[in-house]
C-alpha atoms as a PDB file:
ATOM      1  CA  MET A   1     -44.521  83.725 124.404  1.00  0.00           C
ATOM      2  CA  PHE A   2     -46.532  80.856 126.142  1.00  0.00           C
ATOM      3  CA  ASP A   3     -49.681  82.051 124.249  1.00  0.00           C
ATOM      4  CA  LEU A   4     -47.804  81.672 120.934  1.00  0.00           C
ATOM      5  CA  PHE A   5     -46.640  78.268 121.920  1.00  0.00           C
ATOM      6  CA  LEU A   6     -50.237  77.135 122.703  1.00  0.00           C
ATOM      7  CA  ILE A   7     -51.542  78.535 119.502  1.00  0.00           C
ATOM      8  CA  ILE A   8     -48.820  76.907 117.410  1.00  0.00           C
ATOM      9  CA  CYS A   9     -49.653  73.555 119.082  1.00  0.00           C
ATOM     10  CA  ARG A  10     -53.353  74.072 118.299  1.00  0.00           C
ATOM     11  CA  SER A  11     -52.430  75.045 114.663  1.00  0.00           C
ATOM     12  CA  ILE A  12     -50.254  71.942 114.275  1.00  0.00           C
ATOM     13  CA  TRP A  13     -53.194  69.692 115.454  1.00  0.00           C
ATOM     14  CA  TRP A  14     -55.552  71.507 113.098  1.00  0.00           C
ATOM     15  CA  CYS A  15     -53.240  71.087 110.102  1.00  0.00           C
ATOM     16  CA  ARG A  16     -52.620  67.393 111.019  1.00  0.00           C
ATOM     17  CA  ASN A  17     -56.383  66.876 110.937  1.00  0.00           C
ATOM     18  CA  LYS A  18     -56.642  68.682 107.639  1.00  0.00           C
ATOM     19  CA  LYS A  19     -54.098  66.396 106.053  1.00  0.00           C
ATOM     20  CA  TRP A  20     -55.208  63.196 107.641  1.00  0.00           C
ATOM     21  CA  PHE A  21     -58.915  63.638 107.005  1.00  0.00           C
ATOM     22  CA  GLU A  22     -59.064  65.910 103.982  1.00  0.00           C
ATOM     23  CA  GLY A  23     -55.778  65.295 102.301  1.00  0.00           C
ATOM     24  CA  ILE A  24     -54.890  68.950 102.401  1.00  0.00           C
ATOM     25  CA  PRO A  25     -51.224  69.409 103.485  1.00  0.00           C
ATOM     26  CA  HIS A  26     -49.680  72.607 104.977  1.00  0.00           C
ATOM     27  CA  LYS A  27     -46.123  73.711 105.119  1.00  0.00           C
ATOM     28  CA  PRO A  28     -44.615  74.306 108.592  1.00  0.00           C
ATOM     29  CA  ASP A  29     -43.933  77.937 107.931  1.00  0.00           C
ATOM     30  CA  GLN A  30     -47.684  78.343 107.005  1.00  0.00           C
ATOM     31  CA  VAL A  31     -48.587  76.923 110.395  1.00  0.00           C
ATOM     32  CA  VAL A  32     -46.329  79.345 112.236  1.00  0.00           C
ATOM     33  CA  SER A  33     -47.397  82.407 110.286  1.00  0.00           C
ATOM     34  CA  PHE A  34     -51.094  81.492 110.806  1.00  0.00           C
ATOM     35  CA  ALA A  35     -50.511  81.130 114.545  1.00  0.00           C
ATOM     36  CA  ARG A  36     -48.694  84.456 114.742  1.00  0.00           C
ATOM     37  CA  GLY A  37     -51.417  86.286 112.758  1.00  0.00           C
ATOM     38  CA  TYR A  38     -54.188  84.693 114.828  1.00  0.00           C
ATOM     39  CA  LEU A  39     -52.449  85.712 118.119  1.00  0.00           C
ATOM     40  CA  ASP A  40     -51.853  89.256 116.944  1.00  0.00           C
ATOM     41  CA  SER A  41     -55.405  89.509 115.760  1.00  0.00           C
ATOM     42  CA  PHE A  42     -56.651  88.176 119.161  1.00  0.00           C
ATOM     43  CA  THR A  43     -54.338  90.389 121.197  1.00  0.00           C
ATOM     44  CA  GLU A  44     -55.286  93.479 119.168  1.00  0.00           C
ATOM     45  CA  ASN A  45     -58.994  92.897 119.827  1.00  0.00           C
ATOM     46  CA  ALA A  46     -58.845  91.429 123.343  1.00  0.00           C
ATOM     47  CA  VAL A  47     -60.778  93.314 126.036  1.00  0.00           C
ATOM     48  CA  PRO A  48     -59.512  93.047 129.667  1.00  0.00           C
ATOM     49  CA  ILE A  49     -61.665  90.709 131.713  1.00  0.00           C
ATOM     50  CA  PRO A  50     -63.824  92.825 134.062  1.00  0.00           C
ATOM     51  CA  SER A  51     -64.136  91.899 137.711  1.00  0.00           C
ATOM     52  CA  PHE A  52     -67.703  91.171 138.554  1.00  0.00           C
ATOM     53  CA  ASN A  53     -69.445  90.705 141.893  1.00  0.00           C
ATOM     54  CA  THR A  54     -70.857  87.236 141.328  1.00  0.00           C
ATOM     55  CA  THR A  55     -73.533  87.644 143.883  1.00  0.00           C
ATOM     56  CA  THR A  56     -75.214  90.440 141.974  1.00  0.00           C
ATOM     57  CA  VAL A  57     -74.345  89.881 138.344  1.00  0.00           C
ATOM     58  CA  PHE A  58     -74.776  86.095 137.711  1.00  0.00           C
ATOM     59  CA  ALA A  59     -78.369  85.225 137.080  1.00  0.00           C
ATOM     60  CA  LEU A  60     -79.917  82.496 139.218  1.00  0.00           C
ATOM     61  CA  TRP A  61     -83.015  80.865 137.878  1.00  0.00           C
ATOM     62  CA  ARG A  62     -86.232  82.255 139.268  1.00  0.00           C
ATOM     63  CA  PRO A  63     -89.619  82.550 137.683  1.00  0.00           C
ATOM     64  CA  LEU A  64     -90.033  85.654 135.635  1.00  0.00           C
ATOM     65  CA  GLU A  65     -92.818  88.239 136.134  1.00  0.00           C
ATOM     66  CA  ASN A  66     -95.793  87.390 134.049  1.00  0.00           C
ATOM     67  CA  GLY A  67     -95.457  88.949 130.567  1.00  0.00           C
ATOM     68  CA  PHE A  68     -91.658  88.770 130.468  1.00  0.00           C
ATOM     69  CA  VAL A  69     -89.652  86.573 128.073  1.00  0.00           C
ATOM     70  CA  LYS A  70     -86.063  85.403 128.917  1.00  0.00           C
ATOM     71  CA  ILE A  71     -83.917  84.932 125.829  1.00  0.00           C
ATOM     72  CA  ASN A  72     -80.713  83.054 126.248  1.00  0.00           C
ATOM     73  CA  TYR A  73     -77.870  83.177 123.528  1.00  0.00           C
ATOM     74  CA  ASP A  74     -74.542  81.533 122.832  1.00  0.00           C
ATOM     75  CA  ALA A  75     -72.107  81.097 120.070  1.00  0.00           C
ATOM     76  CA  ALA A  76     -69.711  78.352 119.017  1.00  0.00           C
ATOM     77  CA  LEU A  77     -66.665  78.604 116.720  1.00  0.00           C
ATOM     78  CA  PHE A  78     -65.915  75.799 114.329  1.00  0.00           C
ATOM     79  CA  LEU A  79     -62.172  76.388 113.860  1.00  0.00           C
ATOM     80  CA  ASP A  80     -61.736  73.605 111.211  1.00  0.00           C
ATOM     81  CA  ILE A  81     -64.090  75.238 108.820  1.00  0.00           C
ATOM     82  CA  GLY A  82     -63.865  78.904 109.814  1.00  0.00           C
ATOM     83  CA  ASP A  83     -67.647  79.217 110.434  1.00  0.00           C
ATOM     84  CA  PHE A  84     -69.551  79.672 113.715  1.00  0.00           C
ATOM     85  CA  GLY A  85     -72.927  78.826 115.107  1.00  0.00           C
ATOM     86  CA  ILE A  86     -75.305  80.721 117.211  1.00  0.00           C
ATOM     87  CA  GLY A  87     -77.950  79.320 119.516  1.00  0.00           C
ATOM     88  CA  VAL A  88     -80.843  81.259 121.019  1.00  0.00           C
ATOM     89  CA  ILE A  89     -83.787  79.933 123.099  1.00  0.00           C
ATOM     90  CA  ALA A  90     -86.659  81.895 124.637  1.00  0.00           C
ATOM     91  CA  HIS A  91     -88.779  80.939 127.668  1.00  0.00           C
ATOM     92  CA  ASP A  92     -91.876  82.350 129.320  1.00  0.00           C
ATOM     93  CA  HIS A  93     -92.420  83.060 133.008  1.00  0.00           C
ATOM     94  CA  GLU A  94     -93.234  79.331 133.569  1.00  0.00           C
ATOM     95  CA  GLY A  95     -90.094  78.022 131.866  1.00  0.00           C
ATOM     96  CA  ASN A  96     -91.867  76.921 128.670  1.00  0.00           C
ATOM     97  CA  CYS A  97     -89.919  77.125 125.497  1.00  0.00           C
ATOM     98  CA  LEU A  98     -91.520  79.726 123.259  1.00  0.00           C
ATOM     99  CA  ALA A  99     -88.970  79.701 120.391  1.00  0.00           C
ATOM    100  CA  TRP A 100     -85.424  78.583 119.532  1.00  0.00           C
ATOM    101  CA  LEU A 101     -82.816  79.256 116.894  1.00  0.00           C
ATOM    102  CA  SER A 102     -79.708  77.310 115.758  1.00  0.00           C
ATOM    103  CA  GLN A 103     -77.977  79.013 112.880  1.00  0.00           C
ATOM    104  CA  ARG A 104     -74.613  78.474 111.133  1.00  0.00           C
ATOM    105  CA  LEU A 105     -72.992  81.690 109.910  1.00  0.00           C
ATOM    106  CA  HIS A 106     -70.181  81.830 107.335  1.00  0.00           C
ATOM    107  CA  ARG A 107     -67.795  84.385 108.735  1.00  0.00           C
ATOM    108  CA  THR A 108     -64.102  84.699 109.343  1.00  0.00           C
ATOM    109  CA  ILE A 109     -62.719  84.083 112.830  1.00  0.00           C
ATOM    110  CA  SER A 110     -63.885  86.993 114.887  1.00  0.00           C
ATOM    111  CA  PRO A 111     -63.944  87.820 118.657  1.00  0.00           C
ATOM    112  CA  ALA A 112     -67.439  89.267 118.117  1.00  0.00           C
ATOM    113  CA  LEU A 113     -69.189  85.831 118.044  1.00  0.00           C
ATOM    114  CA  ALA A 114     -71.248  86.417 121.233  1.00  0.00           C
ATOM    115  CA  ALA A 115     -72.323  89.829 119.892  1.00  0.00           C
ATOM    116  CA  TRP A 116     -73.691  88.115 116.701  1.00  0.00           C
ATOM    117  CA  ALA A 117     -75.577  85.763 118.971  1.00  0.00           C
ATOM    118  CA  ALA A 118     -77.036  88.571 121.207  1.00  0.00           C
ATOM    119  CA  ARG A 119     -78.061  90.428 118.034  1.00  0.00           C
ATOM    120  CA  ALA A 120     -80.022  87.205 116.977  1.00  0.00           C
ATOM    121  CA  ALA A 121     -81.735  87.180 120.300  1.00  0.00           C
ATOM    122  CA  ILE A 122     -82.919  90.669 119.866  1.00  0.00           C
ATOM    123  CA  ASP A 123     -84.074  89.712 116.394  1.00  0.00           C
ATOM    124  CA  LEU A 124     -86.022  86.827 117.867  1.00  0.00           C
ATOM    125  CA  GLY A 125     -87.808  89.156 120.268  1.00  0.00           C
ATOM    126  CA  ILE A 126     -88.790  91.482 117.423  1.00  0.00           C
ATOM    127  CA  ARG A 127     -89.905  88.581 115.210  1.00  0.00           C
ATOM    128  CA  PHE A 128     -92.349  87.288 117.868  1.00  0.00           C
ATOM    129  CA  LYS A 129     -93.363  90.807 118.955  1.00  0.00           C
ATOM    130  CA  TRP A 130     -92.657  90.271 122.567  1.00  0.00           C
ATOM    131  CA  ASP A 131     -92.918  93.425 124.748  1.00  0.00           C
ATOM    132  CA  LYS A 132     -90.630  92.658 127.688  1.00  0.00           C
ATOM    133  CA  ILE A 133     -87.367  90.742 127.250  1.00  0.00           C
ATOM    134  CA  ILE A 134     -84.358  89.745 129.296  1.00  0.00           C
ATOM    135  CA  ILE A 135     -81.307  88.818 127.239  1.00  0.00           C
ATOM    136  CA  GLU A 136     -78.932  86.479 128.945  1.00  0.00           C
ATOM    137  CA  GLY A 137     -75.616  85.200 127.888  1.00  0.00           C
ATOM    138  CA  ASN A 138     -72.464  83.870 129.489  1.00  0.00           C
ATOM    139  CA  CYS A 139     -69.810  86.204 127.813  1.00  0.00           C
ATOM    140  CA  ALA A 140     -68.779  88.468 130.562  1.00  0.00           C
ATOM    141  CA  ASN A 141     -67.067  91.057 128.343  1.00  0.00           C
ATOM    142  CA  LEU A 142     -70.105  91.438 126.147  1.00  0.00           C
ATOM    143  CA  VAL A 143     -72.571  91.679 128.943  1.00  0.00           C
ATOM    144  CA  LYS A 144     -70.485  94.378 130.719  1.00  0.00           C
ATOM    145  CA  GLN A 145     -70.386  96.406 127.485  1.00  0.00           C
ATOM    146  CA  LEU A 146     -74.218  96.019 127.103  1.00  0.00           C
ATOM    147  CA  VAL A 147     -74.993  96.865 130.628  1.00  0.00           C
ATOM    148  CA  ASP A 148     -72.488  99.718 130.977  1.00  0.00           C
ATOM    149  CA  GLN A 149     -73.081 100.979 127.390  1.00  0.00           C
ATOM    150  CA  GLU A 150     -69.424 101.754 127.014  1.00  0.00           C
ATOM    151  CA  GLY A 151     -65.936 100.142 126.615  1.00  0.00           C
ATOM    152  CA  TYR A 152     -66.813  98.711 123.237  1.00  0.00           C
ATOM    153  CA  SER A 153     -64.089  96.721 121.435  1.00  0.00           C
ATOM    154  CA  SER A 154     -63.592  97.581 117.766  1.00  0.00           C
ATOM    155  CA  SER A 155     -64.867  94.077 116.716  1.00  0.00           C
ATOM    156  CA  THR A 156     -68.187  94.514 118.602  1.00  0.00           C
ATOM    157  CA  LYS A 157     -68.836  98.297 118.356  1.00  0.00           C
ATOM    158  CA  LEU A 158     -71.154  98.146 115.265  1.00  0.00           C
ATOM    159  CA  LEU A 159     -73.066  95.123 116.542  1.00  0.00           C
ATOM    160  CA  ILE A 160     -73.607  96.746 119.958  1.00  0.00           C
ATOM    161  CA  HIS A 161     -74.832  99.945 118.370  1.00  0.00           C
ATOM    162  CA  GLU A 162     -77.287  97.893 116.276  1.00  0.00           C
ATOM    163  CA  ILE A 163     -78.536  96.061 119.540  1.00  0.00           C
ATOM    164  CA  PHE A 164     -78.990  99.444 121.357  1.00  0.00           C
ATOM    165  CA  ALA A 165     -80.907 100.828 118.182  1.00  0.00           C
ATOM    166  CA  LEU A 166     -83.299  97.909 118.458  1.00  0.00           C
ATOM    167  CA  CYS A 167     -83.969  98.071 122.246  1.00  0.00           C
ATOM    168  CA  PRO A 168     -86.622 100.904 122.047  1.00  0.00           C
ATOM    169  CA  ARG A 169     -88.835  98.474 120.095  1.00  0.00           C
ATOM    170  CA  PHE A 170     -89.636  96.827 123.473  1.00  0.00           C
ATOM    171  CA  LEU A 171     -91.386  98.173 126.519  1.00  0.00           C
ATOM    172  CA  SER A 172     -88.490  96.587 128.642  1.00  0.00           C
ATOM    173  CA  CYS A 173     -85.246  95.246 127.418  1.00  0.00           C
ATOM    174  CA  SER A 174     -82.413  94.280 129.836  1.00  0.00           C
ATOM    175  CA  PHE A 175     -79.209  92.249 129.649  1.00  0.00           C
ATOM    176  CA  SER A 176     -77.780  89.901 132.352  1.00  0.00           C
ATOM    177  CA  LEU A 177     -74.903  87.531 132.832  1.00  0.00           C
ATOM    178  CA  LEU A 178     -75.275  83.936 133.740  1.00  0.00           C
ATOM    179  CA  ARG A 179     -72.950  81.033 134.400  1.00  0.00           C
ATOM    180  CA  ARG A 180     -71.944  78.633 131.584  1.00  0.00           C
ATOM    181  CA  GLN A 181     -73.899  75.844 133.303  1.00  0.00           C
ATOM    182  CA  GLY A 182     -77.035  77.915 133.118  1.00  0.00           C
ATOM    183  CA  ASN A 183     -76.712  78.462 129.380  1.00  0.00           C
ATOM    184  CA  CYS A 184     -76.194  74.816 128.283  1.00  0.00           C
ATOM    185  CA  VAL A 185     -79.369  74.739 125.968  1.00  0.00           C
ATOM    186  CA  ALA A 186     -78.270  77.730 124.055  1.00  0.00           C
ATOM    187  CA  HIS A 187     -74.763  76.362 123.874  1.00  0.00           C
ATOM    188  CA  SER A 188     -76.024  73.055 122.538  1.00  0.00           C
ATOM    189  CA  LEU A 189     -78.043  74.904 119.845  1.00  0.00           C
ATOM    190  CA  ALA A 190     -74.973  76.781 118.807  1.00  0.00           C
ATOM    191  CA  ARG A 191     -72.903  73.577 118.631  1.00  0.00           C
ATOM    192  CA  SER A 192     -75.560  71.798 116.606  1.00  0.00           C
ATOM    193  CA  ALA A 193     -75.484  74.600 113.929  1.00  0.00           C
ATOM    194  CA  VAL A 194     -72.422  72.926 112.375  1.00  0.00           C
ATOM    195  CA  ASN A 195     -74.877  70.447 110.840  1.00  0.00           C
ATOM    196  CA  PHE A 196     -76.571  73.134 108.761  1.00  0.00           C
ATOM    197  CA  CYS A 197     -75.358  74.692 105.523  1.00  0.00           C
END
């Protein structure tokens, strides 16, 4: 019940901003029905948070082996417009930026945002023909699904299957989890995607 209360509060604030800045009014019953629908959709697609041993799963920065490329990804949801952004950045073994991507996608609200960003990270590796990649993100549920290769939620299943289908294009392709603080560049790229059409 507390979750519903929080989502209703967020929805009221969103509707207030829509009316205040764009002149689009919403009726109170629309706010409540949107909040209930959003919560139902989220609850239906939610995956339990796995328990990780942080000493072995979280990636600490250390130089890569020569020939490896580390690709970090993140996603950002723009609730007010219903779109989301993805940010991807690739570095070599010396920490030099090799490529980056900031892209705005026009999609409905989906719990699979990080999976879209991970898919974009794989695509970047293919585009630049790197042989050995390490894909890093800070979404624990997604990384667990990619590492364990099981436990997919319905919203991410297709994207994860696409990612696995593309992995054989590389000599080496692995996935790891890092802390939010270690993913700030990819997160900034995802947030900046709101500026693109």
